[in-house]
Structure formats: structure tokens, C-alpha cells
Amino acid sequence: MRNTLRSVMENIEPRRLLSTVTGTVFDDANKNGRQDAGEAGLGARTVFADYNFNGIVDGSDPIAFSDASGNYSLATRASSVSVRVVTRPAEAISLPYGANDIWLSSVNGTVTGKNLGIATTVTSGPSVTGTVFTDANRNGRLDTGEARLAGRTVFADYNFNGRLDAGEASALTDAAGAYSITTRTSNVSLRLALNANESVSLPYGATSIWLSSVSGTVTGKNFGVIR
């Protein structure tokens, strides 16, 4: 019985891992849903398979990050996949026919050419900037020599439930750990999405950065990460 089960799992697992969707995340300047000449790929963008079709990244949803040219490769299950990209404030997903995801009823092997356009919806608004870093000495401050963390999600927790929900502003840190998030003008709880075995390091033991008002650009709102 044990050997039979092992044989079944060995046959299933390779097929699961071979289910892959690839494509490019790009700046859809003319908002037509297609990547045209001159429209650049966008790096450090989060592409995910929305397994429960709720429009946000959940713990069981596989994710992939686009590279510097905007290319991504997402390993996923073999059937019923909704492929999405996480947008930032003042952005919308741009796809043909007004879709906001790429629907695949099945993924057999590698499915290519599944591009995701991103279109800008507004040009300006109140914003918050800062840096996400590894707080090696756990003092809640960014000190000389502490590593900056790229590809981390900072979000405005509008309903104060501690997680990123649809409609909440978010931003990814760049290669230097810096982020810039466009948000509403008041009552903003700014948070960092944490990985397993991590906690946030902020002065006074806080778990979020509270802003009663945001006027223009608020700078220096840094998040330390403790592992």
C-alpha cells in the first residue's frame, strides 16, 4: 500500500509542477489592452493565480514577480486559473474586452503569451514614501549597513483589519527598498505585508504607521523587518 501511494504521488507531482503560465507585465500607455511598440515591461510586479477568485492574493495563491523586462513565469494548478496582477494606486489592469484577469479553464504544460497591461488612471494625489529594511539591531530605525528589502508590499489598511483587501492602496518596494504609495487624505493605517516568521519593527512596539492626515507627500515612513 505504501509503495502504491508513493508511486501515485511521484506521478502526480511532476505534472503539477509543469503547469506554468508565462507572459509580460507592461505599461499600457494607450490603454488598448495590447503591448505595442515602445510600451515598456514593468519589473517587480506581483502576478498571482487567484484560486478562490476573490481578486486579492491569499495564502494559498501562487505568486511570481516580473523581472526587469516585465516577464513572469507562474507555476500553478492545471485547471480553472484566474491570473491577475497586483495594481498600485492610480492603476488599473488593462486587458482586451475590459477584463481584469486572464481566465484559463486548463493549463497543460506551459501556456505562453499571457500579457498583463497596466494603465494609469489618475496622475497625482496624496502620497507616503519610505524604506523597508532588515532591522538587524532591532531598534526600530534604519541604521547604516542595514539591508534594504525589494519586492515588499506596503499597503494602506483602510478598514483596519490588518490585511490587504480589494480597493486598498498598495505599493511594492524597489531595488533600494523604497516605496511610494498614493492614498486617501486622512485616517490611514500604513502596514507592511509580512512573510512567515517575520515581525515588523517600529518605535514604541507599533505594528503600523498611523497617519491622521496626508497632505502632499509624507516622507520617511520606514518599516523595519525582524526575522
C-alpha atoms as a PDB file:
ATOM      1  CA  MET A   1       0.000   0.000   0.000  1.00  0.00           C
ATOM      2  CA  ARG A   2       2.777   2.436   0.917  1.00  0.00           C
ATOM      3  CA  ASN A   3       4.686   1.736  -2.302  1.00  0.00           C
ATOM      4  CA  THR A   4       1.494   2.190  -4.330  1.00  0.00           C
ATOM      5  CA  LEU A   5       0.815   5.566  -2.709  1.00  0.00           C
ATOM      6  CA  ARG A   6       4.392   6.674  -3.322  1.00  0.00           C
ATOM      7  CA  SER A   7       4.109   5.711  -6.992  1.00  0.00           C
ATOM      8  CA  VAL A   8       0.866   7.696  -7.369  1.00  0.00           C
ATOM      9  CA  MET A   9       2.388  10.810  -5.746  1.00  0.00           C
ATOM     10  CA  GLU A  10       5.512  10.611  -7.885  1.00  0.00           C
ATOM     11  CA  ASN A  11       3.292  10.583 -10.978  1.00  0.00           C
ATOM     12  CA  ILE A  12       1.075  13.450  -9.822  1.00  0.00           C
ATOM     13  CA  GLU A  13       3.702  15.881  -8.520  1.00  0.00           C
ATOM     14  CA  PRO A  14       5.748  16.321 -11.733  1.00  0.00           C
ATOM     15  CA  ARG A  15       2.584  17.116 -13.693  1.00  0.00           C
ATOM     16  CA  ARG A  16       1.534  19.682 -11.108  1.00  0.00           C
ATOM     17  CA  LEU A  17       4.894  21.424 -11.222  1.00  0.00           C
ATOM     18  CA  LEU A  18       4.888  21.527 -15.028  1.00  0.00           C
ATOM     19  CA  SER A  19       1.732  23.671 -15.117  1.00  0.00           C
ATOM     20  CA  THR A  20       3.084  27.150 -15.904  1.00  0.00           C
ATOM     21  CA  VAL A  21       1.769  30.434 -17.277  1.00  0.00           C
ATOM     22  CA  THR A  22       4.187  32.965 -18.761  1.00  0.00           C
ATOM     23  CA  GLY A  23       3.842  36.454 -20.137  1.00  0.00           C
ATOM     24  CA  THR A  24       4.814  40.100 -19.704  1.00  0.00           C
ATOM     25  CA  VAL A  25       3.539  42.843 -17.420  1.00  0.00           C
ATOM     26  CA  PHE A  26       3.721  46.110 -19.355  1.00  0.00           C
ATOM     27  CA  ASP A  27       2.855  49.803 -19.234  1.00  0.00           C
ATOM     28  CA  ASP A  28      -0.205  50.113 -21.469  1.00  0.00           C
ATOM     29  CA  ALA A  29       0.267  53.769 -22.386  1.00  0.00           C
ATOM     30  CA  ASN A  30      -2.574  53.874 -24.931  1.00  0.00           C
ATOM     31  CA  LYS A  31      -4.856  51.662 -22.783  1.00  0.00           C
ATOM     32  CA  ASN A  32      -5.808  49.306 -25.604  1.00  0.00           C
ATOM     33  CA  GLY A  33      -5.058  46.048 -23.751  1.00  0.00           C
ATOM     34  CA  ARG A  34      -2.144  45.092 -26.021  1.00  0.00           C
ATOM     35  CA  GLN A  35       1.612  45.589 -25.713  1.00  0.00           C
ATOM     36  CA  ASP A  36       2.510  47.844 -28.610  1.00  0.00           C
ATOM     37  CA  ALA A  37       5.907  49.020 -29.829  1.00  0.00           C
ATOM     38  CA  GLY A  38       7.514  51.296 -27.272  1.00  0.00           C
ATOM     39  CA  GLU A  39       5.398  50.106 -24.322  1.00  0.00           C
ATOM     40  CA  ALA A  40       7.896  49.030 -21.665  1.00  0.00           C
ATOM     41  CA  GLY A  41       7.771  45.937 -19.498  1.00  0.00           C
ATOM     42  CA  LEU A  42       7.313  46.563 -15.776  1.00  0.00           C
ATOM     43  CA  GLY A  43       9.605  44.858 -13.271  1.00  0.00           C
ATOM     44  CA  ALA A  44       8.948  43.842  -9.643  1.00  0.00           C
ATOM     45  CA  ARG A  45       5.215  43.356 -10.235  1.00  0.00           C
ATOM     46  CA  THR A  46       3.275  40.608  -8.439  1.00  0.00           C
ATOM     47  CA  VAL A  47       1.399  38.192 -10.691  1.00  0.00           C
ATOM     48  CA  PHE A  48      -0.764  35.584  -8.975  1.00  0.00           C
ATOM     49  CA  ALA A  49      -3.178  32.718  -9.605  1.00  0.00           C
ATOM     50  CA  ASP A  50      -6.405  33.708  -7.868  1.00  0.00           C
ATOM     51  CA  TYR A  51      -7.552  30.241  -6.778  1.00  0.00           C
ATOM     52  CA  ASN A  52     -10.644  31.414  -4.890  1.00  0.00           C
ATOM     53  CA  PHE A  53     -11.494  34.182  -7.405  1.00  0.00           C
ATOM     54  CA  ASN A  54     -11.713  36.986  -4.817  1.00  0.00           C
ATOM     55  CA  GLY A  55      -9.365  39.397  -6.587  1.00  0.00           C
ATOM     56  CA  ILE A  56      -6.658  39.518  -3.888  1.00  0.00           C
ATOM     57  CA  VAL A  57      -3.573  37.472  -3.012  1.00  0.00           C
ATOM     58  CA  ASP A  58      -4.353  34.870  -0.345  1.00  0.00           C
ATOM     59  CA  GLY A  59      -2.031  32.456   1.424  1.00  0.00           C
ATOM     60  CA  SER A  60      -2.763  29.557  -0.946  1.00  0.00           C
ATOM     61  CA  ASP A  61      -2.432  31.586  -4.152  1.00  0.00           C
ATOM     62  CA  PRO A  62       0.872  31.026  -6.015  1.00  0.00           C
ATOM     63  CA  ILE A  63       2.711  34.218  -6.963  1.00  0.00           C
ATOM     64  CA  ALA A  64       5.534  35.286  -9.263  1.00  0.00           C
ATOM     65  CA  PHE A  65       7.447  38.543  -9.664  1.00  0.00           C
ATOM     66  CA  SER A  66       8.089  40.076 -13.075  1.00  0.00           C
ATOM     67  CA  ASP A  67      11.759  40.580 -13.946  1.00  0.00           C
ATOM     68  CA  ALA A  68      13.396  43.817 -15.113  1.00  0.00           C
ATOM     69  CA  SER A  69      11.852  43.355 -18.584  1.00  0.00           C
ATOM     70  CA  GLY A  70       8.399  42.661 -17.177  1.00  0.00           C
ATOM     71  CA  ASN A  71       8.497  38.927 -17.894  1.00  0.00           C
ATOM     72  CA  TYR A  72       6.947  36.487 -15.425  1.00  0.00           C
ATOM     73  CA  SER A  73       6.647  32.709 -15.052  1.00  0.00           C
ATOM     74  CA  LEU A  74       3.894  31.482 -12.750  1.00  0.00           C
ATOM     75  CA  ALA A  75       3.713  27.846 -11.610  1.00  0.00           C
ATOM     76  CA  THR A  76       0.092  26.928 -10.998  1.00  0.00           C
ATOM     77  CA  ARG A  77      -2.512  24.186 -10.882  1.00  0.00           C
ATOM     78  CA  ALA A  78      -3.702  22.588 -14.083  1.00  0.00           C
ATOM     79  CA  SER A  79      -7.298  23.822 -14.194  1.00  0.00           C
ATOM     80  CA  SER A  80      -9.582  26.808 -13.532  1.00  0.00           C
ATOM     81  CA  VAL A  81      -6.982  29.547 -13.104  1.00  0.00           C
ATOM     82  CA  SER A  82      -7.648  33.280 -12.866  1.00  0.00           C
ATOM     83  CA  VAL A  83      -4.319  35.067 -13.491  1.00  0.00           C
ATOM     84  CA  ARG A  84      -4.072  38.589 -12.098  1.00  0.00           C
ATOM     85  CA  VAL A  85      -1.503  41.289 -11.404  1.00  0.00           C
ATOM     86  CA  VAL A  86      -1.467  43.405  -8.239  1.00  0.00           C
ATOM     87  CA  THR A  87      -2.033  47.033  -9.166  1.00  0.00           C
ATOM     88  CA  ARG A  88      -0.829  50.113  -7.323  1.00  0.00           C
ATOM     89  CA  PRO A  89      -2.801  53.268  -6.537  1.00  0.00           C
ATOM     90  CA  ALA A  90      -3.937  55.142  -9.647  1.00  0.00           C
ATOM     91  CA  GLU A  91      -3.540  51.992 -11.776  1.00  0.00           C
ATOM     92  CA  ALA A  92      -5.913  49.522 -13.402  1.00  0.00           C
ATOM     93  CA  ILE A  93      -5.423  46.199 -15.176  1.00  0.00           C
ATOM     94  CA  SER A  94      -5.688  46.690 -18.933  1.00  0.00           C
ATOM     95  CA  LEU A  95      -6.852  43.679 -20.946  1.00  0.00           C
ATOM     96  CA  PRO A  96      -8.957  43.167 -24.094  1.00  0.00           C
ATOM     97  CA  TYR A  97     -12.750  43.410 -23.699  1.00  0.00           C
ATOM     98  CA  GLY A  98     -12.401  45.232 -20.361  1.00  0.00           C
ATOM     99  CA  ALA A  99     -11.355  42.115 -18.436  1.00  0.00           C
ATOM    100  CA  ASN A 100      -9.451  42.413 -15.159  1.00  0.00           C
ATOM    101  CA  ASP A 101      -7.977  38.911 -15.212  1.00  0.00           C
ATOM    102  CA  ILE A 102      -6.851  36.206 -17.635  1.00  0.00           C
ATOM    103  CA  TRP A 103      -9.137  33.179 -17.354  1.00  0.00           C
ATOM    104  CA  LEU A 104      -7.710  29.746 -18.179  1.00  0.00           C
ATOM    105  CA  SER A 105     -10.004  26.730 -17.909  1.00  0.00           C
ATOM    106  CA  SER A 106      -6.957  24.464 -18.073  1.00  0.00           C
ATOM    107  CA  VAL A 107      -3.164  24.735 -18.038  1.00  0.00           C
ATOM    108  CA  ASN A 108      -1.438  21.861 -19.813  1.00  0.00           C
ATOM    109  CA  GLY A 109       2.331  22.227 -19.705  1.00  0.00           C
ATOM    110  CA  THR A 110       3.355  25.839 -20.339  1.00  0.00           C
ATOM    111  CA  VAL A 111       0.888  28.450 -21.581  1.00  0.00           C
ATOM    112  CA  THR A 112       2.719  31.433 -23.081  1.00  0.00           C
ATOM    113  CA  GLY A 113       1.899  34.968 -24.176  1.00  0.00           C
ATOM    114  CA  LYS A 114      -0.449  35.834 -21.312  1.00  0.00           C
ATOM    115  CA  ASN A 115       0.411  39.511 -21.071  1.00  0.00           C
ATOM    116  CA  LEU A 116      -0.999  41.853 -18.442  1.00  0.00           C
ATOM    117  CA  GLY A 117      -1.255  45.546 -19.223  1.00  0.00           C
ATOM    118  CA  ILE A 118      -1.288  48.222 -16.544  1.00  0.00           C
ATOM    119  CA  ALA A 119      -2.884  51.589 -17.295  1.00  0.00           C
ATOM    120  CA  THR A 120      -2.610  54.763 -15.236  1.00  0.00           C
ATOM    121  CA  THR A 121      -5.985  56.059 -14.063  1.00  0.00           C
ATOM    122  CA  VAL A 122      -5.005  59.318 -12.338  1.00  0.00           C
ATOM    123  CA  THR A 123      -1.783  61.309 -12.269  1.00  0.00           C
ATOM    124  CA  SER A 124      -1.449  62.628  -8.724  1.00  0.00           C
ATOM    125  CA  GLY A 125      -2.671  62.509  -5.140  1.00  0.00           C
ATOM    126  CA  PRO A 126      -1.514  62.493  -1.514  1.00  0.00           C
ATOM    127  CA  SER A 127       1.363  60.065  -1.062  1.00  0.00           C
ATOM    128  CA  VAL A 128       3.574  58.466   1.577  1.00  0.00           C
ATOM    129  CA  THR A 129       7.171  57.358   0.989  1.00  0.00           C
ATOM    130  CA  GLY A 130       9.704  55.385   2.972  1.00  0.00           C
ATOM    131  CA  THR A 131      12.005  52.361   3.040  1.00  0.00           C
ATOM    132  CA  VAL A 132      11.608  48.734   4.085  1.00  0.00           C
ATOM    133  CA  PHE A 133      14.762  47.314   5.657  1.00  0.00           C
ATOM    134  CA  THR A 134      16.137  44.472   7.755  1.00  0.00           C
ATOM    135  CA  ASP A 135      16.353  45.811  11.306  1.00  0.00           C
ATOM    136  CA  ALA A 136      19.469  43.887  12.332  1.00  0.00           C
ATOM    137  CA  ASN A 137      19.817  45.558  15.756  1.00  0.00           C
ATOM    138  CA  ARG A 138      16.030  45.663  16.372  1.00  0.00           C
ATOM    139  CA  ASN A 139      15.933  49.311  17.369  1.00  0.00           C
ATOM    140  CA  GLY A 140      13.123  50.353  15.014  1.00  0.00           C
ATOM    141  CA  ARG A 141      15.354  52.684  12.987  1.00  0.00           C
ATOM    142  CA  LEU A 142      17.164  52.427   9.661  1.00  0.00           C
ATOM    143  CA  ASP A 143      20.859  52.458  10.533  1.00  0.00           C
ATOM    144  CA  THR A 144      23.972  52.442   8.354  1.00  0.00           C
ATOM    145  CA  GLY A 145      24.663  48.998   6.903  1.00  0.00           C
ATOM    146  CA  GLU A 146      21.154  47.586   7.344  1.00  0.00           C
ATOM    147  CA  ALA A 147      19.926  45.864   4.179  1.00  0.00           C
ATOM    148  CA  ARG A 148      17.109  47.334   2.105  1.00  0.00           C
ATOM    149  CA  LEU A 149      14.352  44.903   1.050  1.00  0.00           C
ATOM    150  CA  ALA A 150      12.972  44.853  -2.510  1.00  0.00           C
ATOM    151  CA  GLY A 151       9.644  43.430  -3.652  1.00  0.00           C
ATOM    152  CA  ARG A 152       7.846  44.024  -0.340  1.00  0.00           C
ATOM    153  CA  THR A 153       4.211  45.158  -0.211  1.00  0.00           C
ATOM    154  CA  VAL A 154       3.247  48.250   1.780  1.00  0.00           C
ATOM    155  CA  PHE A 155      -0.476  48.998   1.975  1.00  0.00           C
ATOM    156  CA  ALA A 156      -2.981  51.429   3.425  1.00  0.00           C
ATOM    157  CA  ASP A 157      -5.258  49.434   5.721  1.00  0.00           C
ATOM    158  CA  TYR A 158      -8.429  51.477   5.207  1.00  0.00           C
ATOM    159  CA  ASN A 159     -10.689  49.151   7.210  1.00  0.00           C
ATOM    160  CA  PHE A 160      -8.064  48.492   9.928  1.00  0.00           C
ATOM    161  CA  ASN A 161      -8.294  44.687   9.727  1.00  0.00           C
ATOM    162  CA  GLY A 162      -4.554  44.074   9.333  1.00  0.00           C
ATOM    163  CA  ARG A 163      -4.620  42.651   5.808  1.00  0.00           C
ATOM    164  CA  LEU A 164      -4.633  43.915   2.239  1.00  0.00           C
ATOM    165  CA  ASP A 165      -8.163  43.964   0.805  1.00  0.00           C
ATOM    166  CA  ALA A 166      -9.570  44.924  -2.581  1.00  0.00           C
ATOM    167  CA  GLY A 167      -9.662  48.685  -3.026  1.00  0.00           C
ATOM    168  CA  GLU A 168      -6.874  49.402  -0.549  1.00  0.00           C
ATOM    169  CA  ALA A 169      -3.875  51.325  -1.854  1.00  0.00           C
ATOM    170  CA  SER A 170      -0.627  49.342  -2.044  1.00  0.00           C
ATOM    171  CA  ALA A 171       2.900  49.628  -3.422  1.00  0.00           C
ATOM    172  CA  LEU A 172       5.942  47.394  -3.912  1.00  0.00           C
ATOM    173  CA  THR A 173       9.400  48.397  -2.774  1.00  0.00           C
ATOM    174  CA  ASP A 174      12.036  48.896  -5.466  1.00  0.00           C
ATOM    175  CA  ALA A 175      15.593  47.517  -5.586  1.00  0.00           C
ATOM    176  CA  ALA A 176      16.655  50.004  -2.886  1.00  0.00           C
ATOM    177  CA  GLY A 177      13.773  49.057  -0.582  1.00  0.00           C
ATOM    178  CA  ALA A 178      11.975  52.345  -1.288  1.00  0.00           C
ATOM    179  CA  TYR A 179       8.221  52.666  -1.767  1.00  0.00           C
ATOM    180  CA  SER A 180       5.793  55.419  -2.718  1.00  0.00           C
ATOM    181  CA  ILE A 181       2.093  54.880  -2.071  1.00  0.00           C
ATOM    182  CA  THR A 182      -0.731  57.179  -3.167  1.00  0.00           C
ATOM    183  CA  THR A 183      -3.503  57.129  -0.598  1.00  0.00           C
ATOM    184  CA  ARG A 184      -6.511  58.954   0.808  1.00  0.00           C
ATOM    185  CA  THR A 185      -6.054  62.160   2.765  1.00  0.00           C
ATOM    186  CA  SER A 186      -6.968  61.056   6.309  1.00  0.00           C
ATOM    187  CA  ASN A 187      -7.138  58.159   8.796  1.00  0.00           C
ATOM    188  CA  VAL A 188      -4.564  55.897   7.177  1.00  0.00           C
ATOM    189  CA  SER A 189      -3.075  52.870   8.908  1.00  0.00           C
ATOM    190  CA  LEU A 190       0.032  52.067   6.874  1.00  0.00           C
ATOM    191  CA  ARG A 191       1.190  48.441   7.107  1.00  0.00           C
ATOM    192  CA  LEU A 192       3.783  46.063   5.704  1.00  0.00           C
ATOM    193  CA  ALA A 193       2.742  42.614   4.446  1.00  0.00           C
ATOM    194  CA  LEU A 194       4.896  40.126   6.374  1.00  0.00           C
ATOM    195  CA  ASN A 195       6.238  36.708   5.431  1.00  0.00           C
ATOM    196  CA  ALA A 196       6.207  33.724   7.774  1.00  0.00           C
ATOM    197  CA  ASN A 197       8.471  34.083  10.835  1.00  0.00           C
ATOM    198  CA  GLU A 198       8.715  37.868  10.430  1.00  0.00           C
ATOM    199  CA  SER A 199       7.546  40.752  12.559  1.00  0.00           C
ATOM    200  CA  VAL A 200       7.586  44.475  11.945  1.00  0.00           C
ATOM    201  CA  SER A 201       9.991  46.715  13.864  1.00  0.00           C
ATOM    202  CA  LEU A 202       8.644  50.199  14.638  1.00  0.00           C
ATOM    203  CA  PRO A 203       9.202  52.640  17.509  1.00  0.00           C
ATOM    204  CA  TYR A 204       7.159  52.023  20.682  1.00  0.00           C
ATOM    205  CA  GLY A 205       6.275  48.472  19.596  1.00  0.00           C
ATOM    206  CA  ALA A 206       3.743  49.615  16.986  1.00  0.00           C
ATOM    207  CA  THR A 207       2.583  47.258  14.222  1.00  0.00           C
ATOM    208  CA  SER A 208       1.501  50.005  11.802  1.00  0.00           C
ATOM    209  CA  ILE A 209       2.191  53.647  10.992  1.00  0.00           C
ATOM    210  CA  TRP A 210      -0.837  55.804  11.808  1.00  0.00           C
ATOM    211  CA  LEU A 211      -1.439  58.973   9.798  1.00  0.00           C
ATOM    212  CA  SER A 212      -4.394  61.136  10.803  1.00  0.00           C
ATOM    213  CA  SER A 213      -3.888  63.252   7.685  1.00  0.00           C
ATOM    214  CA  VAL A 214      -1.876  63.048   4.456  1.00  0.00           C
ATOM    215  CA  SER A 215      -1.244  66.341   2.666  1.00  0.00           C
ATOM    216  CA  GLY A 216       1.114  66.394  -0.296  1.00  0.00           C
ATOM    217  CA  THR A 217       3.930  63.879   0.220  1.00  0.00           C
ATOM    218  CA  VAL A 218       4.752  62.469   3.655  1.00  0.00           C
ATOM    219  CA  THR A 219       8.323  61.123   3.720  1.00  0.00           C
ATOM    220  CA  GLY A 220      10.487  58.930   5.940  1.00  0.00           C
ATOM    221  CA  LYS A 221       7.862  56.356   6.926  1.00  0.00           C
ATOM    222  CA  ASN A 222      10.198  53.382   7.224  1.00  0.00           C
ATOM    223  CA  PHE A 223       9.401  49.761   8.139  1.00  0.00           C
ATOM    224  CA  GLY A 224      11.962  47.544   9.841  1.00  0.00           C
ATOM    225  CA  VAL A 225      11.676  43.760   9.491  1.00  0.00           C
ATOM    226  CA  ILE A 226      12.786  41.312  12.194  1.00  0.00           C
ATOM    227  CA  ARG A 227      13.167  37.630  11.409  1.00  0.00           C
END
